[in-house]
Amino acid sequence: MKRKLTAIFLALAMTLALVLTICLTACDVNVSTKNTETPFNTASPSSTSDNSDNIVAPSALATETVSGGTAARFVSMLSGDTYHIKTHSITAGVEINVEVYLKNSMYAQIYNSPGISTIIISRDNKTYTFFVDDKSYHVDDMPMDTASSPYYAGDLTLSDSGTAEYGGKTLPYDEYTDTFGDKKQYFTDGNTLVGIREIDSFDTQDTDVLALDQNVPDSAFTLPDGYTPQATPTPAPAGAFTTTLTTSLTLAQVEQNARDAGLTVYGNFDYEAPDGAPAAPDTGFTFSHPDLFYNLYVLEFVSESDAKAYADAEGNDSNHEYVQGKLVLEIGISPFDDFTADQEAQMVSALFK
């Protein structure tokens, strides 16, 4: 879905969104096992917990597109079309390792965290997603927009510079702001970029930079051998994951119920309806549940028919919609969540009691 998410993913949001999209696409394509180039080393990110010696500062950039302080050349590199970056972060207790290669409009990403390991390769006007654990893959007949890389910096504007604590040190940073008003602080230590701190209205997320350079071999975009196509899932019918509630609470009452239930309610409502949605919410609020990876939403629409149409269109096995009049409770379930039906029912009852 096209929406503002928390900084939880830096990489995960993009990976999961792409996987969910590709899972609905027919994938009857054979991956060649006769490629003579070196295949991806899928163990690379997970086998290295501290690669600080591998950090390479760019010595020369083809085009200097960003002016600023100590981090300007690194941001410029991440705004360009050729780079390799390796990162490590811990989000909500989940360790995430990501490695990205970009060159000549080709994109490759290796993602590793407990329970999910994927390789995404975009080349030759196709995007492949390989699931390492079960050796299966999906293919989408369109290239990936390289601007959707979690490290893309082409839409950033320098807004501040200063010093702050990062990794146990007081380090200089350059702060950049994106088109949504969210901020990224790029921390440097000498001639190396050591971390990226993302700050939005919901959260602050630190991502350690283990390597950043322009060493991008063609082998980075080789399709790995030994993967088989995944079966195309049958889409659920419209409304299959939509539940109509019989209460008659106002948005303010539901928000207060969320606070009373001990859920974390965020002060700013920032939601962008996905492309193709039959309606967009007029207002609402955002909150989180300790057992759910994504933030949740209660959306208020102009009419009851808009609310029902939206819920029916957006409800699926990872997105559960509850409708009460003009209100829609949207619960996003990620692959990380161990969220039972009983827990879900209890939360819905607490909100709409």
Protein backbone atom coordinates (compact mmCIF):
# COMPACT_ATOMS: atom_id res chain seq x y z
CA MET A 1 0.00 0.00 0.00
CA LYS A 2 1.19 3.50 -0.69
CA ARG A 3 1.27 5.09 2.74
CA LYS A 4 3.62 6.69 5.19
CA LEU A 5 5.06 3.89 7.33
CA THR A 6 7.28 4.20 10.38
CA ALA A 7 11.03 4.10 10.02
CA ILE A 8 10.78 0.43 10.95
CA PHE A 9 11.98 -0.65 7.78
CA LEU A 10 14.27 1.30 6.25
CA ALA A 11 14.61 -1.88 4.14
CA LEU A 12 11.84 -4.11 5.35
CA ALA A 13 8.99 -1.89 4.26
CA MET A 14 10.24 -1.88 0.73
CA THR A 15 10.93 -5.63 0.70
CA LEU A 16 7.57 -6.63 2.13
CA ALA A 17 5.62 -4.22 -0.05
CA LEU A 18 7.35 -5.54 -3.15
CA VAL A 19 6.88 -9.16 -2.09
CA LEU A 20 3.19 -8.64 -1.44
CA THR A 21 2.79 -7.01 -4.84
CA ILE A 22 4.71 -9.67 -6.70
CA CYS A 23 2.85 -12.48 -4.93
CA LEU A 24 -0.24 -11.53 -6.91
CA THR A 25 1.56 -11.73 -10.23
CA ALA A 26 1.80 -14.83 -12.44
CA CYS A 27 5.33 -16.17 -12.31
CA ASP A 28 5.67 -18.97 -14.88
CA VAL A 29 9.24 -18.06 -15.77
CA ASN A 30 12.31 -20.28 -15.82
CA VAL A 31 15.43 -18.91 -14.16
CA SER A 32 18.46 -19.98 -16.14
CA THR A 33 20.85 -22.25 -14.31
CA LYS A 34 23.51 -21.83 -16.99
CA ASN A 35 24.61 -18.30 -16.16
CA THR A 36 28.40 -18.19 -16.23
CA GLU A 37 28.66 -15.21 -13.91
CA THR A 38 29.25 -15.67 -10.19
CA PRO A 39 25.90 -16.03 -8.41
CA PHE A 40 24.89 -14.01 -5.38
CA ASN A 41 26.55 -14.93 -2.12
CA THR A 42 23.43 -14.98 0.02
CA ALA A 43 25.39 -15.52 3.21
CA SER A 44 27.22 -12.22 2.93
CA PRO A 45 25.09 -9.91 5.10
CA SER A 46 24.13 -12.41 7.80
CA SER A 47 27.64 -13.76 8.25
CA THR A 48 29.07 -10.33 9.03
CA SER A 49 27.92 -8.55 12.16
CA ASP A 50 30.66 -5.93 12.20
CA ASN A 51 32.24 -4.91 8.92
CA SER A 52 33.40 -1.49 10.02
CA ASP A 53 36.79 -2.07 8.36
CA ASN A 54 35.02 -2.42 5.01
CA ILE A 55 33.70 1.13 4.96
CA VAL A 56 35.08 2.94 1.92
CA ALA A 57 34.73 6.67 1.55
CA PRO A 58 34.11 7.76 -2.05
CA SER A 59 37.26 9.39 -3.32
CA ALA A 60 35.74 10.92 -6.44
CA LEU A 61 32.18 11.39 -7.56
CA ALA A 62 31.10 11.88 -11.16
CA THR A 63 28.58 14.56 -10.24
CA GLU A 64 28.37 16.51 -7.01
CA THR A 65 24.62 17.13 -6.70
CA VAL A 66 24.37 17.96 -3.00
CA SER A 67 26.14 20.71 -1.12
CA GLY A 68 26.58 20.64 2.62
CA GLY A 69 28.93 19.52 5.34
CA THR A 70 30.88 16.36 6.13
CA ALA A 71 28.27 13.96 4.71
CA ALA A 72 27.59 15.76 1.42
CA ARG A 73 29.61 13.44 -0.80
CA PHE A 74 27.97 10.36 0.70
CA VAL A 75 24.49 11.78 0.17
CA SER A 76 25.54 12.67 -3.35
CA MET A 77 26.59 9.07 -3.97
CA LEU A 78 23.24 7.78 -2.68
CA SER A 79 21.53 10.24 -5.02
CA GLY A 80 23.36 8.78 -8.01
CA ASP A 81 23.09 5.68 -10.18
CA THR A 82 26.07 3.61 -9.00
CA TYR A 83 26.74 2.49 -5.44
CA HIS A 84 27.04 -0.46 -3.07
CA ILE A 85 25.91 -0.16 0.55
CA LYS A 86 25.72 -2.64 3.41
CA THR A 87 23.82 -1.84 6.62
CA HIS A 88 22.81 -3.32 9.94
CA SER A 89 19.99 -2.25 12.25
CA ILE A 90 17.89 -3.53 15.13
CA THR A 91 14.23 -2.59 14.96
CA ALA A 92 11.68 -3.64 17.58
CA GLY A 93 14.19 -6.27 18.70
CA VAL A 94 14.58 -7.62 15.15
CA GLU A 95 18.09 -7.69 13.66
CA ILE A 96 18.08 -6.62 10.01
CA ASN A 97 20.97 -6.87 7.53
CA VAL A 98 20.61 -5.32 4.08
CA GLU A 99 22.99 -5.05 1.15
CA VAL A 100 22.15 -3.05 -1.99
CA TYR A 101 23.89 -2.78 -5.38
CA LEU A 102 22.88 -0.23 -8.03
CA LYS A 103 24.37 0.28 -11.49
CA ASN A 104 23.08 1.06 -14.99
CA SER A 105 19.45 1.02 -13.82
CA MET A 106 19.98 -2.50 -12.44
CA TYR A 107 19.15 -3.04 -8.77
CA ALA A 108 19.97 -5.86 -6.37
CA GLN A 109 19.11 -6.20 -2.70
CA ILE A 110 19.97 -8.94 -0.21
CA TYR A 111 17.80 -8.86 2.91
CA ASN A 112 18.29 -11.01 6.02
CA SER A 113 16.45 -11.05 9.32
CA PRO A 114 15.17 -13.85 11.57
CA GLY A 115 12.44 -15.69 9.70
CA ILE A 116 12.89 -14.04 6.29
CA SER A 117 15.74 -13.89 3.80
CA THR A 118 15.17 -12.53 0.31
CA ILE A 119 17.11 -11.49 -2.77
CA ILE A 120 15.57 -8.91 -5.10
CA ILE A 121 17.11 -8.36 -8.53
CA SER A 122 15.76 -5.90 -11.07
CA ARG A 123 17.24 -6.17 -14.57
CA ASP A 124 16.15 -6.60 -18.19
CA ASN A 125 12.78 -4.94 -17.47
CA LYS A 126 11.88 -7.59 -14.88
CA THR A 127 12.01 -7.76 -11.08
CA TYR A 128 12.80 -11.09 -9.43
CA THR A 129 12.20 -11.86 -5.76
CA PHE A 130 13.98 -14.97 -4.47
CA PHE A 131 12.97 -16.51 -1.14
CA VAL A 132 16.12 -18.06 0.27
CA ASP A 133 14.55 -20.32 2.89
CA ASP A 134 12.41 -22.42 0.53
CA LYS A 135 14.37 -21.77 -2.69
CA SER A 136 11.36 -20.30 -4.52
CA TYR A 137 10.91 -17.10 -6.49
CA HIS A 138 8.41 -14.69 -8.04
CA VAL A 139 8.95 -12.52 -11.09
CA ASP A 140 7.22 -9.29 -12.04
CA ASP A 141 7.27 -8.14 -15.67
CA MET A 142 8.37 -4.62 -14.90
CA PRO A 143 11.58 -3.06 -13.59
CA MET A 144 11.86 -1.73 -10.09
CA ASP A 145 12.07 2.03 -9.67
CA THR A 146 15.53 2.52 -8.20
CA ALA A 147 14.22 5.57 -6.34
CA SER A 148 12.35 3.11 -4.11
CA SER A 149 15.65 1.94 -2.65
CA PRO A 150 15.59 2.46 1.13
CA TYR A 151 18.77 4.54 0.80
CA TYR A 152 17.71 6.79 -2.07
CA ALA A 153 18.69 10.37 -1.32
CA GLY A 154 17.72 12.19 -4.51
CA ASP A 155 14.64 13.83 -2.96
CA LEU A 156 16.45 15.21 0.10
CA THR A 157 17.24 18.82 0.95
CA LEU A 158 19.98 19.84 3.37
CA SER A 159 18.31 21.39 6.42
CA ASP A 160 20.80 21.38 9.31
CA SER A 161 24.19 20.26 10.62
CA GLY A 162 25.43 19.55 14.11
CA THR A 163 26.81 16.93 16.48
CA ALA A 164 25.05 14.18 18.45
CA GLU A 165 25.77 10.84 20.04
CA TYR A 166 25.89 7.90 17.66
CA GLY A 167 27.34 4.48 18.45
CA GLY A 168 28.75 5.68 21.75
CA LYS A 169 30.58 8.63 20.19
CA THR A 170 29.79 12.30 19.71
CA LEU A 171 29.91 12.68 15.93
CA PRO A 172 29.10 15.34 13.33
CA TYR A 173 26.06 14.92 11.14
CA ASP A 174 24.31 16.58 8.23
CA GLU A 175 20.53 16.58 8.41
CA TYR A 176 18.39 16.29 5.27
CA THR A 177 14.61 16.62 4.94
CA ASP A 178 12.43 14.75 2.47
CA THR A 179 9.23 15.85 0.74
CA PHE A 180 7.12 14.60 3.66
CA GLY A 181 9.08 16.64 6.21
CA ASP A 182 10.79 13.59 7.70
CA LYS A 183 14.49 13.88 8.46
CA LYS A 184 17.61 11.81 7.90
CA GLN A 185 20.82 12.55 9.78
CA TYR A 186 24.00 11.21 8.18
CA PHE A 187 26.77 10.65 10.77
CA THR A 188 30.41 10.64 9.77
CA ASP A 189 33.55 9.57 11.61
CA GLY A 190 36.59 10.93 9.84
CA ASN A 191 36.28 10.06 6.17
CA THR A 192 33.60 7.41 6.60
CA LEU A 193 29.82 7.42 6.80
CA VAL A 194 28.99 5.34 9.89
CA GLY A 195 25.25 5.74 10.38
CA ILE A 196 21.91 7.07 9.20
CA ARG A 197 19.34 8.24 11.74
CA GLU A 198 15.77 8.56 10.44
CA ILE A 199 13.41 10.82 12.37
CA ASP A 200 9.71 11.07 11.59
CA SER A 201 6.56 11.87 13.55
CA PHE A 202 6.34 8.29 14.82
CA ASP A 203 9.80 7.06 15.64
CA THR A 204 13.59 7.40 15.43
CA GLN A 205 15.59 4.64 13.75
CA ASP A 206 19.36 4.21 13.61
CA THR A 207 20.96 2.22 10.79
CA ASP A 208 24.68 1.41 10.93
CA VAL A 209 26.53 1.73 7.62
CA LEU A 210 29.03 -1.14 7.33
CA ALA A 211 30.17 -0.35 3.78
CA LEU A 212 29.56 2.33 1.18
CA ASP A 213 31.47 2.40 -2.08
CA GLN A 214 31.11 2.32 -5.85
CA ASN A 215 32.50 -1.20 -6.29
CA VAL A 216 29.56 -2.77 -8.13
CA PRO A 217 30.52 -5.89 -10.13
CA ASP A 218 28.20 -7.20 -12.85
CA SER A 219 28.00 -10.46 -10.92
CA ALA A 220 25.92 -8.65 -8.31
CA PHE A 221 22.99 -8.86 -10.72
CA THR A 222 23.35 -12.54 -11.63
CA LEU A 223 20.19 -14.55 -11.04
CA PRO A 224 20.93 -17.29 -8.49
CA ASP A 225 20.56 -20.94 -9.47
CA GLY A 226 18.36 -23.58 -7.90
CA TYR A 227 15.13 -21.64 -7.35
CA THR A 228 11.69 -22.78 -8.54
CA PRO A 229 8.63 -20.63 -9.32
CA GLN A 230 6.07 -20.18 -6.58
CA ALA A 231 2.48 -21.13 -7.30
CA THR A 232 0.28 -18.12 -7.98
CA PRO A 233 -2.09 -17.63 -5.02
CA THR A 234 -5.78 -17.26 -5.66
CA PRO A 235 -6.83 -13.72 -4.68
CA ALA A 236 -9.44 -13.56 -1.93
CA PRO A 237 -12.81 -12.17 -3.03
CA ALA A 238 -13.59 -8.53 -2.22
CA GLY A 239 -14.79 -8.14 1.33
CA ALA A 240 -13.40 -11.50 2.50
CA PHE A 241 -11.37 -9.77 5.21
CA THR A 242 -13.91 -7.06 6.05
CA THR A 243 -16.02 -7.18 9.22
CA THR A 244 -18.98 -4.87 9.85
CA LEU A 245 -19.40 -3.70 13.46
CA THR A 246 -22.71 -2.69 15.01
CA THR A 247 -21.49 -0.05 17.47
CA SER A 248 -22.01 3.68 16.90
CA LEU A 249 -18.95 5.41 18.35
CA THR A 250 -17.38 8.62 17.17
CA LEU A 251 -13.76 8.86 16.06
CA ALA A 252 -12.90 10.71 19.29
CA GLN A 253 -14.49 7.96 21.41
CA VAL A 254 -12.58 5.22 19.60
CA GLU A 255 -9.35 7.16 20.03
CA GLN A 256 -10.00 7.54 23.76
CA ASN A 257 -10.76 3.82 24.01
CA ALA A 258 -7.40 3.11 22.40
CA ARG A 259 -5.66 5.24 25.01
CA ASP A 260 -7.64 3.62 27.82
CA ALA A 261 -6.58 0.19 26.55
CA GLY A 262 -2.92 1.21 26.93
CA LEU A 263 -2.23 1.39 23.20
CA THR A 264 0.22 4.01 21.96
CA VAL A 265 -1.72 6.69 20.07
CA TYR A 266 0.28 9.11 17.91
CA GLY A 267 -0.63 12.77 17.75
CA ASN A 268 -0.18 13.25 14.02
CA PHE A 269 -2.41 11.56 11.46
CA ASP A 270 -0.38 11.05 8.31
CA TYR A 271 -1.98 8.65 5.83
CA GLU A 272 -1.92 8.42 2.07
CA ALA A 273 -4.56 6.18 0.48
CA PRO A 274 -3.10 3.55 -1.83
CA ASP A 275 -3.29 4.07 -5.57
CA GLY A 276 -6.57 2.80 -6.96
CA ALA A 277 -8.44 2.92 -3.65
CA PRO A 278 -12.14 3.72 -4.16
CA ALA A 279 -12.04 6.45 -1.48
CA ALA A 280 -9.59 8.35 0.70
CA PRO A 281 -10.11 8.98 4.42
CA ASP A 282 -11.07 12.44 5.58
CA THR A 283 -9.33 12.12 8.96
CA GLY A 284 -8.37 9.52 11.55
CA PHE A 285 -5.66 8.53 14.00
CA THR A 286 -2.65 6.23 14.12
CA PHE A 287 -1.72 3.86 16.93
CA SER A 288 0.46 0.83 17.63
CA HIS A 289 0.04 -2.51 19.37
CA PRO A 290 3.04 -4.12 21.14
CA ASP A 291 2.50 -7.43 19.30
CA LEU A 292 2.15 -5.94 15.82
CA PHE A 293 4.99 -4.80 13.58
CA TYR A 294 3.10 -2.15 11.62
CA ASN A 295 1.32 0.94 12.90
CA LEU A 296 -2.48 0.68 12.77
CA TYR A 297 -5.10 3.15 11.61
CA VAL A 298 -8.64 4.19 12.38
CA LEU A 299 -9.86 6.05 9.29
CA GLU A 300 -12.91 8.29 9.02
CA PHE A 301 -14.52 8.68 5.60
CA VAL A 302 -17.02 11.22 4.31
CA SER A 303 -19.77 8.60 4.00
CA GLU A 304 -20.61 5.07 5.11
CA SER A 305 -20.59 3.88 1.51
CA ASP A 306 -17.05 5.24 1.05
CA ALA A 307 -15.90 3.45 4.20
CA LYS A 308 -17.42 0.13 3.11
CA ALA A 309 -16.06 0.39 -0.44
CA TYR A 310 -12.57 1.16 0.84
CA ALA A 311 -12.61 -1.72 3.35
CA ASP A 312 -13.86 -4.23 0.78
CA ALA A 313 -11.19 -3.17 -1.71
CA GLU A 314 -8.27 -3.16 0.73
CA GLY A 315 -9.10 -6.18 2.91
CA ASN A 316 -6.79 -9.14 2.33
CA ASP A 317 -4.97 -11.83 4.27
CA SER A 318 -2.41 -9.31 5.57
CA ASN A 319 -4.81 -6.37 5.92
CA HIS A 320 -7.91 -6.80 8.08
CA GLU A 321 -10.62 -4.14 7.89
CA TYR A 322 -13.37 -3.44 10.46
CA VAL A 323 -16.16 -1.04 9.47
CA GLN A 324 -18.40 0.91 11.80
CA GLY A 325 -20.46 3.52 9.95
CA LYS A 326 -17.98 5.96 8.46
CA LEU A 327 -15.05 4.53 10.46
CA VAL A 328 -12.62 1.83 9.29
CA LEU A 329 -10.14 0.10 11.60
CA GLU A 330 -7.25 -1.15 9.47
CA ILE A 331 -5.02 -3.84 10.99
CA GLY A 332 -1.85 -4.70 9.09
CA ILE A 333 -0.36 -8.13 9.79
CA SER A 334 3.30 -8.68 8.86
CA PRO A 335 5.17 -11.99 8.51
CA PHE A 336 6.85 -11.22 11.83
CA ASP A 337 3.60 -11.07 13.81
CA ASP A 338 2.37 -13.88 16.01
CA PHE A 339 -1.00 -12.23 16.48
CA THR A 340 -3.84 -14.65 17.20
CA ALA A 341 -7.49 -14.26 16.26
CA ASP A 342 -8.31 -13.96 19.98
CA GLN A 343 -5.85 -11.07 20.40
CA GLU A 344 -7.33 -9.36 17.38
CA ALA A 345 -10.88 -9.78 18.68
CA GLN A 346 -9.88 -8.41 22.09
CA MET A 347 -8.27 -5.33 20.55
CA VAL A 348 -11.29 -4.65 18.33
CA SER A 349 -13.64 -5.05 21.31
CA ALA A 350 -11.52 -2.66 23.39
CA LEU A 351 -11.60 -0.02 20.66
CA PHE A 352 -15.30 -0.30 19.85
CA LYS A 353 -16.72 -1.17 23.28
